[in-house]
Amino acid sequence: MIETLRFKNDGPKRKKLWVGEAMAHPAKGHIAMWEEMVLRYSKEGDTILDPMSGIGTSMIAALMGRNEVCVELEQHFVEPMRRSWEKMRTMPMMGYTMGHVTIIRGD
């Protein structure tokens, strides 16, 4: 049987963690989807690569004790991602040691 996952609206959490300019991205990954993948497929201290990071929704992994490498080609998404990470760093998740995020502009 295939498990169906249903997620609540992530708008309030996104507004808390990301800068406003990040909301302009047309294809934001759902925060709860990323949290679920991080918990299922990694452990604290692991490094996760997101080769098409957009605005960096995957950076939630760093709040969950993972290290994160975000790669994004478009500069107009890289800058909001950097500002969002600075904001997110001030809001650690209880029970986790903050991971490290590396943001790379590239292809």
N, C-alpha and C. Protein backbone atom coordinates (compact mmCIF):
# COMPACT_ATOMS: atom_id res chain seq x y z
N MET A 1 0.84 -1.18 0.00
CA MET A 1 0.00 0.00 0.00
C MET A 1 0.89 1.26 0.00
N ILE A 2 0.55 2.21 -0.81
CA ILE A 2 1.29 3.46 -0.89
C ILE A 2 0.77 4.43 0.17
N GLU A 3 1.71 4.98 0.92
CA GLU A 3 1.34 5.93 1.96
C GLU A 3 1.06 7.30 1.35
N THR A 4 -0.06 7.90 1.72
CA THR A 4 -0.40 9.24 1.26
C THR A 4 -0.09 10.22 2.38
N LEU A 5 0.70 11.21 2.07
CA LEU A 5 1.03 12.24 3.04
C LEU A 5 0.25 13.50 2.71
N ARG A 6 -0.32 14.10 3.72
CA ARG A 6 -1.06 15.35 3.54
C ARG A 6 -0.44 16.39 4.47
N PHE A 7 -0.18 17.55 3.91
CA PHE A 7 0.47 18.60 4.68
C PHE A 7 -0.44 19.82 4.80
N LYS A 8 -0.38 20.46 5.96
CA LYS A 8 -1.12 21.70 6.19
C LYS A 8 -0.42 22.84 5.46
N ASN A 9 -1.12 23.93 5.30
CA ASN A 9 -0.57 25.13 4.68
C ASN A 9 0.70 25.55 5.44
N ASP A 10 1.78 25.77 4.71
CA ASP A 10 3.03 26.15 5.36
C ASP A 10 3.30 27.66 5.33
N GLY A 11 2.31 28.43 4.92
CA GLY A 11 2.47 29.88 4.82
C GLY A 11 2.94 30.56 6.10
N PRO A 12 2.29 30.29 7.24
CA PRO A 12 2.74 30.96 8.48
C PRO A 12 4.18 30.62 8.86
N LYS A 13 4.56 29.36 8.72
CA LYS A 13 5.93 28.96 9.05
C LYS A 13 6.92 29.58 8.07
N ARG A 14 6.55 29.62 6.81
CA ARG A 14 7.41 30.22 5.78
C ARG A 14 7.63 31.70 6.06
N LYS A 15 6.58 32.42 6.45
CA LYS A 15 6.72 33.85 6.75
C LYS A 15 7.62 34.07 7.96
N LYS A 16 7.60 33.13 8.89
CA LYS A 16 8.44 33.24 10.08
C LYS A 16 9.91 33.03 9.74
N LEU A 17 10.21 32.08 8.85
CA LEU A 17 11.59 31.66 8.60
C LEU A 17 12.25 32.31 7.39
N TRP A 18 11.50 32.66 6.36
CA TRP A 18 12.08 33.19 5.12
C TRP A 18 11.79 34.67 4.98
N VAL A 19 12.64 35.38 4.26
CA VAL A 19 12.42 36.80 3.99
C VAL A 19 11.32 36.95 2.95
N GLY A 20 10.68 38.10 2.95
CA GLY A 20 9.55 38.35 2.06
C GLY A 20 9.84 38.15 0.59
N GLU A 21 11.03 38.54 0.14
CA GLU A 21 11.36 38.41 -1.29
C GLU A 21 11.36 36.96 -1.75
N ALA A 22 11.56 36.04 -0.83
CA ALA A 22 11.59 34.62 -1.18
C ALA A 22 10.21 34.12 -1.62
N MET A 23 9.17 34.82 -1.22
CA MET A 23 7.81 34.38 -1.57
C MET A 23 7.53 34.52 -3.06
N ALA A 24 8.34 35.27 -3.78
CA ALA A 24 8.12 35.49 -5.21
C ALA A 24 8.47 34.27 -6.07
N HIS A 25 9.19 33.31 -5.50
CA HIS A 25 9.58 32.13 -6.29
C HIS A 25 8.32 31.35 -6.69
N PRO A 26 8.21 30.95 -7.97
CA PRO A 26 6.98 30.30 -8.44
C PRO A 26 6.82 28.85 -7.98
N ALA A 27 7.87 28.20 -7.52
CA ALA A 27 7.77 26.76 -7.19
C ALA A 27 8.46 26.47 -5.87
N LYS A 28 7.87 26.92 -4.79
CA LYS A 28 8.46 26.69 -3.47
C LYS A 28 8.14 25.28 -3.00
N GLY A 29 9.16 24.56 -2.50
CA GLY A 29 8.92 23.24 -1.93
C GLY A 29 8.19 23.39 -0.61
N HIS A 30 7.29 22.47 -0.31
CA HIS A 30 6.54 22.53 0.94
C HIS A 30 7.47 22.20 2.11
N ILE A 31 7.44 23.01 3.15
CA ILE A 31 8.33 22.83 4.29
C ILE A 31 8.14 21.45 4.93
N ALA A 32 6.91 21.04 5.15
CA ALA A 32 6.66 19.74 5.79
C ALA A 32 7.15 18.58 4.92
N MET A 33 7.10 18.74 3.60
CA MET A 33 7.62 17.71 2.71
C MET A 33 9.13 17.55 2.94
N TRP A 34 9.83 18.69 3.02
CA TRP A 34 11.27 18.65 3.27
C TRP A 34 11.57 18.07 4.64
N GLU A 35 10.82 18.45 5.65
CA GLU A 35 11.03 17.90 6.99
C GLU A 35 10.86 16.38 6.99
N GLU A 36 9.85 15.91 6.31
CA GLU A 36 9.60 14.46 6.22
C GLU A 36 10.75 13.75 5.53
N MET A 37 11.23 14.30 4.41
CA MET A 37 12.35 13.67 3.69
C MET A 37 13.61 13.67 4.53
N VAL A 38 13.87 14.76 5.22
CA VAL A 38 15.07 14.86 6.06
C VAL A 38 15.02 13.80 7.16
N LEU A 39 13.89 13.68 7.83
CA LEU A 39 13.76 12.70 8.91
C LEU A 39 13.86 11.27 8.40
N ARG A 40 13.27 10.99 7.25
CA ARG A 40 13.26 9.62 6.71
C ARG A 40 14.60 9.17 6.14
N TYR A 41 15.30 10.09 5.48
CA TYR A 41 16.44 9.67 4.66
C TYR A 41 17.79 10.19 5.11
N SER A 42 17.87 10.82 6.28
CA SER A 42 19.15 11.31 6.77
C SER A 42 19.18 11.24 8.29
N LYS A 43 20.36 11.45 8.81
CA LYS A 43 20.51 11.52 10.27
C LYS A 43 21.30 12.77 10.60
N GLU A 44 21.25 13.18 11.86
CA GLU A 44 21.97 14.38 12.27
C GLU A 44 23.44 14.27 11.88
N GLY A 45 23.98 15.36 11.37
CA GLY A 45 25.38 15.40 10.95
C GLY A 45 25.58 15.09 9.48
N ASP A 46 24.58 14.48 8.82
CA ASP A 46 24.68 14.20 7.39
C ASP A 46 24.69 15.51 6.59
N THR A 47 25.17 15.42 5.35
CA THR A 47 25.14 16.56 4.44
C THR A 47 24.15 16.28 3.33
N ILE A 48 23.28 17.24 3.07
CA ILE A 48 22.25 17.13 2.04
C ILE A 48 22.58 18.13 0.93
N LEU A 49 22.48 17.68 -0.31
CA LEU A 49 22.71 18.54 -1.47
C LEU A 49 21.38 18.82 -2.14
N ASP A 50 21.10 20.09 -2.36
CA ASP A 50 19.94 20.50 -3.15
C ASP A 50 20.48 21.25 -4.36
N PRO A 51 20.59 20.58 -5.52
CA PRO A 51 21.24 21.18 -6.68
C PRO A 51 20.41 22.22 -7.41
N MET A 52 19.14 22.35 -7.09
CA MET A 52 18.27 23.38 -7.68
C MET A 52 17.48 24.00 -6.55
N SER A 53 18.17 24.78 -5.73
CA SER A 53 17.63 25.21 -4.45
C SER A 53 16.53 26.26 -4.51
N GLY A 54 16.46 27.02 -5.58
CA GLY A 54 15.44 28.07 -5.61
C GLY A 54 15.68 29.05 -4.48
N ILE A 55 14.75 29.13 -3.55
CA ILE A 55 14.90 30.04 -2.41
C ILE A 55 15.38 29.31 -1.17
N GLY A 56 15.65 28.01 -1.28
CA GLY A 56 16.27 27.29 -0.18
C GLY A 56 15.34 26.69 0.85
N THR A 57 14.18 26.21 0.44
CA THR A 57 13.30 25.56 1.41
C THR A 57 14.01 24.39 2.08
N SER A 58 14.91 23.75 1.36
CA SER A 58 15.65 22.61 1.92
C SER A 58 16.54 23.01 3.08
N MET A 59 16.78 24.32 3.28
CA MET A 59 17.61 24.76 4.40
C MET A 59 16.99 24.40 5.74
N ILE A 60 15.73 24.00 5.75
CA ILE A 60 15.09 23.54 6.98
C ILE A 60 15.90 22.38 7.57
N ALA A 61 16.60 21.64 6.70
CA ALA A 61 17.43 20.52 7.16
C ALA A 61 18.51 20.98 8.13
N ALA A 62 19.06 22.18 7.92
CA ALA A 62 20.10 22.69 8.82
C ALA A 62 19.53 22.98 10.20
N LEU A 63 18.26 23.36 10.26
CA LEU A 63 17.62 23.57 11.56
C LEU A 63 17.37 22.24 12.26
N MET A 64 17.47 21.15 11.48
CA MET A 64 17.24 19.80 12.00
C MET A 64 18.56 19.05 12.19
N GLY A 65 19.66 19.79 12.27
CA GLY A 65 20.96 19.19 12.58
C GLY A 65 21.71 18.59 11.41
N ARG A 66 21.25 18.84 10.20
CA ARG A 66 21.97 18.37 9.01
C ARG A 66 22.75 19.53 8.42
N ASN A 67 23.76 19.22 7.63
CA ASN A 67 24.47 20.24 6.87
C ASN A 67 23.84 20.30 5.49
N GLU A 68 23.87 21.45 4.88
CA GLU A 68 23.14 21.65 3.64
C GLU A 68 24.02 22.38 2.63
N VAL A 69 24.01 21.89 1.40
CA VAL A 69 24.66 22.59 0.29
C VAL A 69 23.56 22.96 -0.68
N CYS A 70 23.35 24.24 -0.87
CA CYS A 70 22.32 24.76 -1.77
C CYS A 70 23.00 25.34 -3.00
N VAL A 71 22.59 24.88 -4.17
CA VAL A 71 23.14 25.38 -5.43
C VAL A 71 21.98 25.97 -6.22
N GLU A 72 22.13 27.21 -6.64
CA GLU A 72 21.09 27.88 -7.43
C GLU A 72 21.75 28.73 -8.50
N LEU A 73 21.25 28.66 -9.71
CA LEU A 73 21.82 29.38 -10.84
C LEU A 73 21.43 30.86 -10.85
N GLU A 74 20.20 31.17 -10.51
CA GLU A 74 19.68 32.52 -10.69
C GLU A 74 19.96 33.41 -9.48
N GLN A 75 20.73 34.46 -9.72
CA GLN A 75 21.16 35.37 -8.65
C GLN A 75 19.96 35.96 -7.90
N HIS A 76 18.87 36.24 -8.62
CA HIS A 76 17.73 36.87 -7.95
C HIS A 76 17.02 35.92 -6.98
N PHE A 77 17.40 34.65 -6.96
CA PHE A 77 16.94 33.72 -5.92
C PHE A 77 18.02 33.48 -4.87
N VAL A 78 19.28 33.60 -5.27
CA VAL A 78 20.39 33.37 -4.34
C VAL A 78 20.40 34.41 -3.23
N GLU A 79 20.22 35.66 -3.56
CA GLU A 79 20.27 36.72 -2.55
C GLU A 79 19.18 36.56 -1.49
N PRO A 80 17.91 36.35 -1.86
CA PRO A 80 16.91 36.11 -0.82
C PRO A 80 17.19 34.86 0.00
N MET A 81 17.78 33.83 -0.64
CA MET A 81 18.12 32.61 0.09
C MET A 81 19.16 32.94 1.16
N ARG A 82 20.17 33.72 0.81
CA ARG A 82 21.20 34.11 1.79
C ARG A 82 20.59 34.89 2.96
N ARG A 83 19.72 35.84 2.64
CA ARG A 83 19.08 36.63 3.69
C ARG A 83 18.17 35.76 4.55
N SER A 84 17.49 34.81 3.92
CA SER A 84 16.63 33.90 4.67
C SER A 84 17.45 33.04 5.63
N TRP A 85 18.61 32.57 5.17
CA TRP A 85 19.44 31.75 6.06
C TRP A 85 19.89 32.57 7.27
N GLU A 86 20.24 33.83 7.07
CA GLU A 86 20.63 34.68 8.20
C GLU A 86 19.47 34.79 9.19
N LYS A 87 18.26 34.91 8.69
CA LYS A 87 17.07 34.98 9.55
C LYS A 87 16.83 33.64 10.26
N MET A 88 16.92 32.55 9.51
CA MET A 88 16.65 31.22 10.06
C MET A 88 17.65 30.85 11.16
N ARG A 89 18.88 31.28 11.02
CA ARG A 89 19.92 30.93 11.99
C ARG A 89 19.59 31.42 13.39
N THR A 90 18.72 32.41 13.49
CA THR A 90 18.35 32.95 14.80
C THR A 90 17.21 32.15 15.44
N MET A 91 16.71 31.13 14.74
CA MET A 91 15.54 30.38 15.21
C MET A 91 15.80 28.87 15.21
N PRO A 92 16.73 28.39 16.03
CA PRO A 92 17.02 26.94 16.03
C PRO A 92 15.80 26.15 16.48
N MET A 93 15.70 24.91 16.00
CA MET A 93 14.62 24.03 16.40
C MET A 93 15.05 23.28 17.66
N MET A 94 14.16 23.20 18.62
CA MET A 94 14.48 22.52 19.87
C MET A 94 14.81 21.05 19.61
N GLY A 95 15.84 20.58 20.29
CA GLY A 95 16.23 19.18 20.16
C GLY A 95 17.29 18.92 19.10
N TYR A 96 17.68 19.95 18.36
CA TYR A 96 18.67 19.78 17.29
C TYR A 96 19.82 20.77 17.48
N THR A 97 21.00 20.34 17.07
CA THR A 97 22.14 21.24 16.97
C THR A 97 22.11 21.83 15.56
N MET A 98 22.31 23.12 15.45
CA MET A 98 22.24 23.79 14.16
C MET A 98 23.29 23.24 13.20
N GLY A 99 22.85 22.90 11.98
CA GLY A 99 23.76 22.48 10.93
C GLY A 99 24.34 23.68 10.20
N HIS A 100 25.20 23.40 9.26
CA HIS A 100 25.86 24.44 8.47
C HIS A 100 25.23 24.48 7.07
N VAL A 101 25.08 25.68 6.52
CA VAL A 101 24.56 25.84 5.16
C VAL A 101 25.62 26.51 4.30
N THR A 102 25.85 25.92 3.12
CA THR A 102 26.72 26.52 2.11
C THR A 102 25.83 26.86 0.91
N ILE A 103 25.86 28.10 0.48
CA ILE A 103 25.05 28.55 -0.65
C ILE A 103 25.99 28.88 -1.80
N ILE A 104 25.76 28.24 -2.93
CA ILE A 104 26.62 28.39 -4.10
C ILE A 104 25.76 28.87 -5.28
N ARG A 105 26.21 29.91 -5.94
CA ARG A 105 25.56 30.30 -7.19
C ARG A 105 26.27 29.56 -8.31
N GLY A 106 25.55 28.73 -9.00
CA GLY A 106 26.16 27.95 -10.06
C GLY A 106 25.18 27.03 -10.72
N ASP A 107 25.70 26.21 -11.62
CA ASP A 107 24.87 25.29 -12.38
C ASP A 107 25.36 23.88 -12.15
